[in-house]
């Protein structure tokens, strides 16, 4: 999967080929572990950050909605109260 010019994503993540092969299996295990950790960060941690932003906006929206409803309630109470007439 080597592309001419720019490297593909898979080639950059693959273990480099070793000349002697004595540490090849150990490096492959380390690379597989690091690849798994990077994958889990990408697929679990990043969506959770997005979920945090989503919850933040939802909480802020509900606060402003409650504040607006409170103002409407106060305005309607002010309209319904009896006003003193001319003496």
PDB file of N, CA and C in Angstrom:
ATOM      1  N   UNK A   1       0.816  -1.188   0.000  1.00  0.00           N
ATOM      2  CA  UNK A   1       0.000   0.000   0.000  1.00  0.00           C
ATOM      3  C   UNK A   1       0.856   1.247   0.000  1.00  0.00           C
ATOM      4  N   UNK A   2       1.916   1.222  -0.716  1.00  0.00           N
ATOM      5  CA  UNK A   2       2.738   2.421  -0.811  1.00  0.00           C
ATOM      6  C   UNK A   2       2.266   3.259  -1.994  1.00  0.00           C
ATOM      7  N   UNK A   3       2.087   4.515  -1.716  1.00  0.00           N
ATOM      8  CA  UNK A   3       1.670   5.434  -2.760  1.00  0.00           C
ATOM      9  C   UNK A   3       2.869   6.260  -3.184  1.00  0.00           C
ATOM     10  N   UNK A   4       2.938   6.566  -4.434  1.00  0.00           N
ATOM     11  CA  UNK A   4       4.026   7.418  -4.903  1.00  0.00           C
ATOM     12  C   UNK A   4       3.736   8.844  -4.476  1.00  0.00           C
ATOM     13  N   UNK A   5       4.741   9.539  -4.029  1.00  0.00           N
ATOM     14  CA  UNK A   5       4.548  10.905  -3.557  1.00  0.00           C
ATOM     15  C   UNK A   5       4.218  10.918  -2.082  1.00  0.00           C
ATOM     16  N   UNK A   6       2.996  11.241  -1.739  1.00  0.00           N
ATOM     17  CA  UNK A   6       2.607  11.309  -0.323  1.00  0.00           C
ATOM     18  C   UNK A   6       2.237   9.918   0.178  1.00  0.00           C
ATOM     19  N   UNK A   7       2.554   9.658   1.446  1.00  0.00           N
ATOM     20  CA  UNK A   7       2.257   8.362   2.036  1.00  0.00           C
ATOM     21  C   UNK A   7       0.800   8.305   2.458  1.00  0.00           C
ATOM     22  N   UNK A   8       0.245   7.108   2.395  1.00  0.00           N
ATOM     23  CA  UNK A   8      -1.109   6.946   2.894  1.00  0.00           C
ATOM     24  C   UNK A   8      -1.056   6.817   4.410  1.00  0.00           C
ATOM     25  N   UNK A   9      -2.206   6.884   5.034  1.00  0.00           N
ATOM     26  CA  UNK A   9      -2.262   6.824   6.493  1.00  0.00           C
ATOM     27  C   UNK A   9      -1.804   5.460   7.000  1.00  0.00           C
ATOM     28  N   UNK A  10      -2.140   4.409   6.299  1.00  0.00           N
ATOM     29  CA  UNK A  10      -1.792   3.064   6.743  1.00  0.00           C
ATOM     30  C   UNK A  10      -0.282   2.867   6.719  1.00  0.00           C
ATOM     31  N   UNK A  11       0.382   3.380   5.712  1.00  0.00           N
ATOM     32  CA  UNK A  11       1.827   3.209   5.612  1.00  0.00           C
ATOM     33  C   UNK A  11       2.533   3.930   6.752  1.00  0.00           C
ATOM     34  N   UNK A  12       2.035   5.096   7.141  1.00  0.00           N
ATOM     35  CA  UNK A  12       2.673   5.827   8.230  1.00  0.00           C
ATOM     36  C   UNK A  12       2.523   5.111   9.557  1.00  0.00           C
ATOM     37  N   UNK A  13       1.435   4.344   9.728  1.00  0.00           N
ATOM     38  CA  UNK A  13       1.201   3.659  10.990  1.00  0.00           C
ATOM     39  C   UNK A  13       1.828   2.273  11.044  1.00  0.00           C
ATOM     40  N   UNK A  14       2.284   1.760   9.918  1.00  0.00           N
ATOM     41  CA  UNK A  14       2.871   0.425   9.888  1.00  0.00           C
ATOM     42  C   UNK A  14       4.265   0.448  10.505  1.00  0.00           C
ATOM     43  N   UNK A  15       4.645  -0.684  11.054  1.00  0.00           N
ATOM     44  CA  UNK A  15       5.979  -0.806  11.635  1.00  0.00           C
ATOM     45  C   UNK A  15       7.020  -0.769  10.524  1.00  0.00           C
ATOM     46  N   UNK A  16       8.123  -0.069  10.750  1.00  0.00           N
ATOM     47  CA  UNK A  16       9.157  -0.037   9.715  1.00  0.00           C
ATOM     48  C   UNK A  16       9.793  -1.409   9.568  1.00  0.00           C
ATOM     49  N   UNK A  17      10.201  -1.710   8.370  1.00  0.00           N
ATOM     50  CA  UNK A  17      10.810  -3.017   8.147  1.00  0.00           C
ATOM     51  C   UNK A  17      12.202  -3.024   8.767  1.00  0.00           C
ATOM     52  N   UNK A  18      12.502  -4.114   9.487  1.00  0.00           N
ATOM     53  CA  UNK A  18      13.800  -4.208  10.154  1.00  0.00           C
ATOM     54  C   UNK A  18      14.752  -5.011   9.284  1.00  0.00           C
ATOM     55  N   UNK A  19      16.045  -4.738   9.445  1.00  0.00           N
ATOM     56  CA  UNK A  19      17.057  -5.415   8.649  1.00  0.00           C
ATOM     57  C   UNK A  19      17.380  -6.792   9.202  1.00  0.00           C
ATOM     58  N   UNK A  20      17.501  -6.907  10.534  1.00  0.00           N
ATOM     59  CA  UNK A  20      17.957  -8.167  11.104  1.00  0.00           C
ATOM     60  C   UNK A  20      16.827  -9.037  11.644  1.00  0.00           C
ATOM     61  N   UNK A  21      15.682  -8.521  11.966  1.00  0.00           N
ATOM     62  CA  UNK A  21      14.561  -9.318  12.414  1.00  0.00           C
ATOM     63  C   UNK A  21      14.647  -9.772  13.858  1.00  0.00           C
ATOM     64  N   UNK A  22      15.704  -9.422  14.597  1.00  0.00           N
ATOM     65  CA  UNK A  22      15.835  -9.879  15.975  1.00  0.00           C
ATOM     66  C   UNK A  22      14.849  -9.168  16.894  1.00  0.00           C
ATOM     67  N   UNK A  23      14.553  -7.903  16.632  1.00  0.00           N
ATOM     68  CA  UNK A  23      13.604  -7.158  17.464  1.00  0.00           C
ATOM     69  C   UNK A  23      12.302  -6.898  16.723  1.00  0.00           C
ATOM     70  N   UNK A  24      12.095  -7.549  15.634  1.00  0.00           N
ATOM     71  CA  UNK A  24      10.915  -7.292  14.810  1.00  0.00           C
ATOM     72  C   UNK A  24       9.612  -7.631  15.499  1.00  0.00           C
ATOM     73  N   UNK A  25       9.571  -8.767  16.168  1.00  0.00           N
ATOM     74  CA  UNK A  25       8.344  -9.189  16.827  1.00  0.00           C
ATOM     75  C   UNK A  25       8.009  -8.276  18.007  1.00  0.00           C
ATOM     76  N   UNK A  26       9.015  -7.868  18.769  1.00  0.00           N
ATOM     77  CA  UNK A  26       8.801  -6.964  19.897  1.00  0.00           C
ATOM     78  C   UNK A  26       8.306  -5.604  19.401  1.00  0.00           C
ATOM     79  N   UNK A  27       8.921  -5.091  18.354  1.00  0.00           N
ATOM     80  CA  UNK A  27       8.483  -3.804  17.803  1.00  0.00           C
ATOM     81  C   UNK A  27       7.081  -3.906  17.231  1.00  0.00           C
ATOM     82  N   UNK A  28       6.772  -5.031  16.615  1.00  0.00           N
ATOM     83  CA  UNK A  28       5.431  -5.203  16.063  1.00  0.00           C
ATOM     84  C   UNK A  28       4.396  -5.225  17.183  1.00  0.00           C
ATOM     85  N   UNK A  29       4.714  -5.864  18.303  1.00  0.00           N
ATOM     86  CA  UNK A  29       3.796  -5.874  19.443  1.00  0.00           C
ATOM     87  C   UNK A  29       3.604  -4.491  20.030  1.00  0.00           C
ATOM     88  N   UNK A  30       4.703  -3.744  20.154  1.00  0.00           N
ATOM     89  CA  UNK A  30       4.602  -2.375  20.665  1.00  0.00           C
ATOM     90  C   UNK A  30       3.803  -1.499  19.722  1.00  0.00           C
ATOM     91  N   UNK A  31       4.045  -1.676  18.426  1.00  0.00           N
ATOM     92  CA  UNK A  31       3.314  -0.878  17.443  1.00  0.00           C
ATOM     93  C   UNK A  31       1.831  -1.233  17.442  1.00  0.00           C
ATOM     94  N   UNK A  32       1.516  -2.509  17.593  1.00  0.00           N
ATOM     95  CA  UNK A  32       0.113  -2.922  17.639  1.00  0.00           C
ATOM     96  C   UNK A  32      -0.569  -2.344  18.875  1.00  0.00           C
ATOM     97  N   UNK A  33       0.126  -2.354  20.002  1.00  0.00           N
ATOM     98  CA  UNK A  33      -0.439  -1.777  21.220  1.00  0.00           C
ATOM     99  C   UNK A  33      -0.671  -0.276  21.053  1.00  0.00           C
ATOM    100  N   UNK A  34       0.317   0.424  20.503  1.00  0.00           N
ATOM    101  CA  UNK A  34       0.187   1.871  20.297  1.00  0.00           C
ATOM    102  C   UNK A  34      -0.920   2.181  19.298  1.00  0.00           C
ATOM    103  N   UNK A  35      -1.038   1.363  18.273  1.00  0.00           N
ATOM    104  CA  UNK A  35      -2.101   1.545  17.288  1.00  0.00           C
ATOM    105  C   UNK A  35      -3.467   1.343  17.932  1.00  0.00           C
ATOM    106  N   UNK A  36      -3.578   0.355  18.829  1.00  0.00           N
ATOM    107  CA  UNK A  36      -4.835   0.111  19.532  1.00  0.00           C
ATOM    108  C   UNK A  36      -5.181   1.277  20.450  1.00  0.00           C
ATOM    109  N   UNK A  37      -4.202   1.792  21.165  1.00  0.00           N
ATOM    110  CA  UNK A  37      -4.434   2.935  22.057  1.00  0.00           C
ATOM    111  C   UNK A  37      -4.865   4.160  21.247  1.00  0.00           C
ATOM    112  N   UNK A  38      -4.189   4.426  20.136  1.00  0.00           N
ATOM    113  CA  UNK A  38      -4.562   5.566  19.293  1.00  0.00           C
ATOM    114  C   UNK A  38      -5.962   5.404  18.725  1.00  0.00           C
ATOM    115  N   UNK A  39      -6.304   4.181  18.338  1.00  0.00           N
ATOM    116  CA  UNK A  39      -7.643   3.920  17.803  1.00  0.00           C
ATOM    117  C   UNK A  39      -8.711   4.166  18.871  1.00  0.00           C
ATOM    118  N   UNK A  40      -8.459   3.671  20.087  1.00  0.00           N
ATOM    119  CA  UNK A  40      -9.440   3.871  21.155  1.00  0.00           C
ATOM    120  C   UNK A  40      -9.594   5.341  21.504  1.00  0.00           C
ATOM    121  N   UNK A  41      -8.486   6.079  21.491  1.00  0.00           N
ATOM    122  CA  UNK A  41      -8.585   7.524  21.737  1.00  0.00           C
ATOM    123  C   UNK A  41      -9.429   8.185  20.661  1.00  0.00           C
ATOM    124  N   UNK A  42      -9.214   7.774  19.434  1.00  0.00           N
ATOM    125  CA  UNK A  42      -9.940   8.377  18.316  1.00  0.00           C
ATOM    126  C   UNK A  42     -11.422   8.040  18.370  1.00  0.00           C
ATOM    127  N   UNK A  43     -11.758   6.810  18.705  1.00  0.00           N
ATOM    128  CA  UNK A  43     -13.141   6.362  18.632  1.00  0.00           C
ATOM    129  C   UNK A  43     -13.912   6.505  19.934  1.00  0.00           C
ATOM    130  N   UNK A  44     -13.245   6.732  21.053  1.00  0.00           N
ATOM    131  CA  UNK A  44     -13.949   6.830  22.333  1.00  0.00           C
ATOM    132  C   UNK A  44     -13.799   8.223  22.936  1.00  0.00           C
ATOM    133  N   UNK A  45     -12.588   8.710  23.070  1.00  0.00           N
ATOM    134  CA  UNK A  45     -12.348   9.967  23.776  1.00  0.00           C
ATOM    135  C   UNK A  45     -12.848  11.155  22.969  1.00  0.00           C
ATOM    136  N   UNK A  46     -12.576  11.203  21.677  1.00  0.00           N
ATOM    137  CA  UNK A  46     -13.005  12.344  20.868  1.00  0.00           C
ATOM    138  C   UNK A  46     -14.525  12.474  20.803  1.00  0.00           C
ATOM    139  N   UNK A  47     -15.284  11.376  20.607  1.00  0.00           N
ATOM    140  CA  UNK A  47     -16.744  11.530  20.665  1.00  0.00           C
ATOM    141  C   UNK A  47     -17.254  11.967  22.035  1.00  0.00           C
ATOM    142  N   UNK A  48     -16.576  11.555  23.115  1.00  0.00           N
ATOM    143  CA  UNK A  48     -16.995  12.005  24.443  1.00  0.00           C
ATOM    144  C   UNK A  48     -16.778  13.499  24.610  1.00  0.00           C
ATOM    145  N   UNK A  49     -15.724  14.015  24.014  1.00  0.00           N
ATOM    146  CA  UNK A  49     -15.528  15.474  24.048  1.00  0.00           C
ATOM    147  C   UNK A  49     -16.648  16.177  23.302  1.00  0.00           C
ATOM    148  N   UNK A  50     -17.047  15.627  22.176  1.00  0.00           N
ATOM    149  CA  UNK A  50     -18.172  16.193  21.440  1.00  0.00           C
ATOM    150  C   UNK A  50     -19.463  16.115  22.236  1.00  0.00           C
ATOM    151  N   UNK A  51     -19.640  15.019  22.976  1.00  0.00           N
ATOM    152  CA  UNK A  51     -20.815  14.874  23.821  1.00  0.00           C
ATOM    153  C   UNK A  51     -20.808  15.915  24.933  1.00  0.00           C
ATOM    154  N   UNK A  52     -19.626  16.217  25.480  1.00  0.00           N
ATOM    155  CA  UNK A  52     -19.520  17.247  26.509  1.00  0.00           C
ATOM    156  C   UNK A  52     -19.945  18.606  25.991  1.00  0.00           C
ATOM    157  N   UNK A  53     -19.518  18.944  24.765  1.00  0.00           N
ATOM    158  CA  UNK A  53     -19.947  20.211  24.168  1.00  0.00           C
ATOM    159  C   UNK A  53     -21.446  20.220  23.933  1.00  0.00           C
ATOM    160  N   UNK A  54     -21.983  19.092  23.499  1.00  0.00           N
ATOM    161  CA  UNK A  54     -23.424  18.993  23.262  1.00  0.00           C
ATOM    162  C   UNK A  54     -24.195  19.198  24.558  1.00  0.00           C
ATOM    163  N   UNK A  55     -23.749  18.568  25.637  1.00  0.00           N
ATOM    164  CA  UNK A  55     -24.416  18.733  26.931  1.00  0.00           C
ATOM    165  C   UNK A  55     -24.287  20.164  27.444  1.00  0.00           C
ATOM    166  N   UNK A  56     -23.122  20.787  27.227  1.00  0.00           N
ATOM    167  CA  UNK A  56     -22.928  22.166  27.655  1.00  0.00           C
ATOM    168  C   UNK A  56     -23.932  23.084  26.964  1.00  0.00           C
ATOM    169  N   UNK A  57     -24.098  22.912  25.674  1.00  0.00           N
ATOM    170  CA  UNK A  57     -25.049  23.754  24.940  1.00  0.00           C
ATOM    171  C   UNK A  57     -26.487  23.464  25.375  1.00  0.00           C
ATOM    172  N   UNK A  58     -26.799  22.229  25.687  1.00  0.00           N
ATOM    173  CA  UNK A  58     -28.138  21.892  26.153  1.00  0.00           C
ATOM    174  C   UNK A  58     -28.444  22.504  27.508  1.00  0.00           C
ATOM    175  N   UNK A  59     -27.478  22.463  28.402  1.00  0.00           N
ATOM    176  CA  UNK A  59     -27.674  23.058  29.729  1.00  0.00           C
ATOM    177  C   UNK A  59     -27.808  24.577  29.614  1.00  0.00           C
ATOM    178  N   UNK A  60     -26.984  25.187  28.796  1.00  0.00           N
ATOM    179  CA  UNK A  60     -27.078  26.640  28.607  1.00  0.00           C
ATOM    180  C   UNK A  60     -28.426  27.007  27.983  1.00  0.00           C
ATOM    181  N   UNK A  61     -28.877  26.235  27.008  1.00  0.00           N
ATOM    182  CA  UNK A  61     -30.169  26.499  26.378  1.00  0.00           C
ATOM    183  C   UNK A  61     -31.323  26.356  27.346  1.00  0.00           C
ATOM    184  N   UNK A  62     -31.270  25.344  28.197  1.00  0.00           N
ATOM    185  CA  UNK A  62     -32.359  25.169  29.170  1.00  0.00           C
ATOM    186  C   UNK A  62     -32.354  26.299  30.198  1.00  0.00           C
ATOM    187  N   UNK A  63     -31.178  26.799  30.561  1.00  0.00           N
ATOM    188  CA  UNK A  63     -31.110  27.929  31.484  1.00  0.00           C
ATOM    189  C   UNK A  63     -31.765  29.170  30.868  1.00  0.00           C
ATOM    190  N   UNK A  64     -31.424  29.464  29.622  1.00  0.00           N
ATOM    191  CA  UNK A  64     -32.006  30.644  28.976  1.00  0.00           C
ATOM    192  C   UNK A  64     -33.506  30.475  28.734  1.00  0.00           C
ATOM    193  N   UNK A  65     -33.942  29.257  28.450  1.00  0.00           N
ATOM    194  CA  UNK A  65     -35.367  29.011  28.283  1.00  0.00           C
ATOM    195  C   UNK A  65     -36.109  29.233  29.603  1.00  0.00           C
ATOM    196  N   UNK A  66     -35.554  28.760  30.707  1.00  0.00           N
ATOM    197  CA  UNK A  66     -36.177  28.961  32.013  1.00  0.00           C
ATOM    198  C   UNK A  66     -36.211  30.444  32.375  1.00  0.00           C
ATOM    199  N   UNK A  67     -35.146  31.150  32.058  1.00  0.00           N
ATOM    200  CA  UNK A  67     -35.106  32.591  32.338  1.00  0.00           C
ATOM    201  C   UNK A  67     -36.165  33.330  31.515  1.00  0.00           C
ATOM    202  N   UNK A  68     -36.320  32.957  30.259  1.00  0.00           N
ATOM    203  CA  UNK A  68     -37.341  33.578  29.415  1.00  0.00           C
ATOM    204  C   UNK A  68     -38.750  33.287  29.908  1.00  0.00           C
ATOM    205  N   UNK A  69     -38.989  32.056  30.331  1.00  0.00           N
ATOM    206  CA  UNK A  69     -40.309  31.723  30.872  1.00  0.00           C
ATOM    207  C   UNK A  69     -40.590  32.468  32.172  1.00  0.00           C
ATOM    208  N   UNK A  70     -39.572  32.675  32.988  1.00  0.00           N
ATOM    209  CA  UNK A  70     -39.742  33.462  34.214  1.00  0.00           C
ATOM    210  C   UNK A  70     -40.127  34.901  33.881  1.00  0.00           C
ATOM    211  N   UNK A  71     -39.494  35.482  32.883  1.00  0.00           N
ATOM    212  CA  UNK A  71     -39.847  36.849  32.489  1.00  0.00           C
ATOM    213  C   UNK A  71     -41.271  36.923  31.949  1.00  0.00           C
ATOM    214  N   UNK A  72     -41.685  35.915  31.179  1.00  0.00           N
ATOM    215  CA  UNK A  72     -43.064  35.895  30.667  1.00  0.00           C
ATOM    216  C   UNK A  72     -44.050  35.769  31.828  1.00  0.00           C
ATOM    217  N   UNK A  73     -43.733  34.930  32.802  1.00  0.00           N
ATOM    218  CA  UNK A  73     -44.604  34.769  33.970  1.00  0.00           C
ATOM    219  C   UNK A  73     -44.716  36.067  34.763  1.00  0.00           C
ATOM    220  N   UNK A  74     -43.603  36.739  34.976  1.00  0.00           N
ATOM    221  CA  UNK A  74     -43.647  38.016  35.694  1.00  0.00           C
ATOM    222  C   UNK A  74     -44.426  39.067  34.914  1.00  0.00           C
ATOM    223  N   UNK A  75     -44.260  39.077  33.608  1.00  0.00           N
ATOM    224  CA  UNK A  75     -45.013  40.035  32.786  1.00  0.00           C
ATOM    225  C   UNK A  75     -46.501  39.761  32.823  1.00  0.00           C
ATOM    226  N   UNK A  76     -46.884  38.487  32.794  1.00  0.00           N
ATOM    227  CA  UNK A  76     -48.319  38.168  32.841  1.00  0.00           C
ATOM    228  C   UNK A  76     -48.903  38.480  34.215  1.00  0.00           C
ATOM    229  N   UNK A  77     -48.126  38.301  35.272  1.00  0.00           N
ATOM    230  CA  UNK A  77     -48.597  38.670  36.620  1.00  0.00           C
ATOM    231  C   UNK A  77     -48.792  40.189  36.719  1.00  0.00           C
ATOM    232  N   UNK A  78     -47.898  40.928  36.083  1.00  0.00           N
ATOM    233  CA  UNK A  78     -48.021  42.380  36.129  1.00  0.00           C
ATOM    234  C   UNK A  78     -49.239  42.850  35.348  1.00  0.00           C
ATOM    235  N   UNK A  79     -49.608  42.130  34.299  1.00  0.00           N
ATOM    236  CA  UNK A  79     -50.798  42.516  33.508  1.00  0.00           C
ATOM    237  C   UNK A  79     -52.094  42.186  34.237  1.00  0.00           C
ATOM    238  N   UNK A  80     -52.068  41.162  35.057  1.00  0.00           N
ATOM    239  CA  UNK A  80     -53.303  40.700  35.715  1.00  0.00           C
ATOM    240  C   UNK A  80     -53.585  41.383  37.055  1.00  0.00           C
ATOM    241  N   UNK A  81     -52.634  42.073  37.598  1.00  0.00           N
ATOM    242  CA  UNK A  81     -52.880  42.689  38.909  1.00  0.00           C
ATOM    243  C   UNK A  81     -53.824  43.880  38.766  1.00  0.00           C
ATOM    244  N   UNK A  82     -54.600  44.142  39.778  1.00  0.00           N
ATOM    245  CA  UNK A  82     -55.557  45.281  39.697  1.00  0.00           C
ATOM    246  C   UNK A  82     -54.813  46.618  39.777  1.00  0.00           C
ATOM    247  N   UNK A  83     -55.243  47.506  38.964  1.00  0.00           N
ATOM    248  CA  UNK A  83     -54.638  48.835  38.942  1.00  0.00           C
ATOM    249  C   UNK A  83     -55.590  49.802  39.654  1.00  0.00           C
ATOM    250  N   UNK A  84     -55.018  50.714  40.380  1.00  0.00           N
ATOM    251  CA  UNK A  84     -55.904  51.695  41.057  1.00  0.00           C
ATOM    252  C   UNK A  84     -56.527  52.629  40.031  1.00  0.00           C
ATOM    253  N   UNK A  85     -57.792  52.845  40.191  1.00  0.00           N
ATOM    254  CA  UNK A  85     -58.517  53.750  39.318  1.00  0.00           C
ATOM    255  C   UNK A  85     -58.406  55.186  39.760  1.00  0.00           C
ATOM    256  N   UNK A  86     -59.022  56.070  39.048  1.00  0.00           N
ATOM    257  CA  UNK A  86     -58.964  57.490  39.472  1.00  0.00           C
ATOM    258  C   UNK A  86     -59.734  57.675  40.774  1.00  0.00           C
ATOM    259  N   UNK A  87     -59.269  58.539  41.625  1.00  0.00           N
ATOM    260  CA  UNK A  87     -59.922  58.701  42.933  1.00  0.00           C
ATOM    261  C   UNK A  87     -61.284  59.339  42.849  1.00  0.00           C
TER     262      UNK A  87
END
